């Protein structure tokens, strides 16, 4: 799902596909927009994605408001 979104965006912009564990606050600060893609686990966000948001929240707080973003959730149940 994430790969398909990245490939679809590529002709229009400089899209980069990164795992949450590899993404740092500087990556968020240097991006113009975001697509967050994650699986639903027991009606909650995945642990890897939660850790990403927890780790990156304060370093980007007040610096990226207003940038476009989208969420894609893969839920099989």
Protein backbone atom coordinates (compact mmCIF):
# COMPACT_ATOMS: atom_id res chain seq x y z
CA UNK A 1 0.00 0.00 0.00
CA UNK A 2 2.78 2.42 0.93
CA UNK A 3 4.82 1.48 -2.13
CA UNK A 4 1.84 2.05 -4.42
CA UNK A 5 1.21 5.49 -2.88
CA UNK A 6 4.86 6.45 -3.28
CA UNK A 7 4.95 5.28 -6.91
CA UNK A 8 1.73 7.17 -7.68
CA UNK A 9 3.17 10.38 -6.23
CA UNK A 10 6.58 10.07 -7.89
CA UNK A 11 5.70 11.64 -11.27
CA UNK A 12 4.38 14.77 -9.55
CA UNK A 13 6.87 15.20 -6.70
CA UNK A 14 10.07 13.94 -5.16
CA UNK A 15 8.55 11.14 -3.04
CA UNK A 16 10.59 9.06 -0.61
CA UNK A 17 9.46 5.83 1.02
CA UNK A 18 10.83 5.25 4.52
CA UNK A 19 9.99 2.90 7.37
CA UNK A 20 8.84 4.57 10.58
CA UNK A 21 11.83 3.14 12.49
CA UNK A 22 14.24 4.77 10.01
CA UNK A 23 12.55 8.17 9.89
CA UNK A 24 14.00 10.99 11.98
CA UNK A 25 12.65 14.44 12.89
CA UNK A 26 14.97 16.01 10.30
CA UNK A 27 13.22 13.95 7.61
CA UNK A 28 9.90 15.47 8.64
CA UNK A 29 11.34 18.97 8.77
CA UNK A 30 12.76 18.68 5.25
CA UNK A 31 9.56 17.32 3.67
CA UNK A 32 6.79 19.42 2.13
CA UNK A 33 4.06 16.88 2.96
CA UNK A 34 3.48 13.41 4.34
CA UNK A 35 1.57 10.19 3.80
CA UNK A 36 1.54 8.02 6.93
CA UNK A 37 0.76 4.37 6.16
CA UNK A 38 0.31 1.75 8.84
CA UNK A 39 -1.58 -1.42 9.74
CA UNK A 40 -4.36 -1.48 12.28
CA UNK A 41 -3.55 -3.83 15.15
CA UNK A 42 -6.43 -4.68 17.49
CA UNK A 43 -8.18 -1.39 16.64
CA UNK A 44 -5.04 0.64 17.35
CA UNK A 45 -2.06 2.11 15.53
CA UNK A 46 0.90 -0.24 15.09
CA UNK A 47 3.62 -0.13 17.73
CA UNK A 48 6.32 0.94 15.26
CA UNK A 49 4.22 3.87 14.10
CA UNK A 50 3.35 4.89 17.67
CA UNK A 51 7.04 4.87 18.56
CA UNK A 52 7.74 7.06 15.50
CA UNK A 53 5.13 9.64 16.52
CA UNK A 54 6.32 9.61 20.14
CA UNK A 55 9.97 10.02 19.12
CA UNK A 56 9.40 12.76 16.55
CA UNK A 57 6.64 14.78 18.25
CA UNK A 58 8.63 17.27 20.34
CA UNK A 59 11.47 17.89 17.87
CA UNK A 60 8.99 19.04 15.18
CA UNK A 61 6.39 20.67 17.45
CA UNK A 62 5.56 24.14 16.13
CA UNK A 63 7.63 23.67 12.96
CA UNK A 64 5.47 21.72 10.49
CA UNK A 65 1.91 22.89 11.15
CA UNK A 66 -0.08 23.50 7.97
CA UNK A 67 1.81 21.02 5.80
CA UNK A 68 -0.38 18.60 3.86
CA UNK A 69 -0.65 15.02 5.08
CA UNK A 70 -2.70 11.89 4.55
CA UNK A 71 -3.24 8.68 6.49
CA UNK A 72 -3.63 5.22 5.00
CA UNK A 73 -4.68 2.44 7.36
CA UNK A 74 -4.65 -1.20 6.35
CA UNK A 75 -7.30 -3.05 8.35
CA UNK A 76 -8.15 -6.63 7.54
CA UNK A 77 -10.70 -7.46 10.19
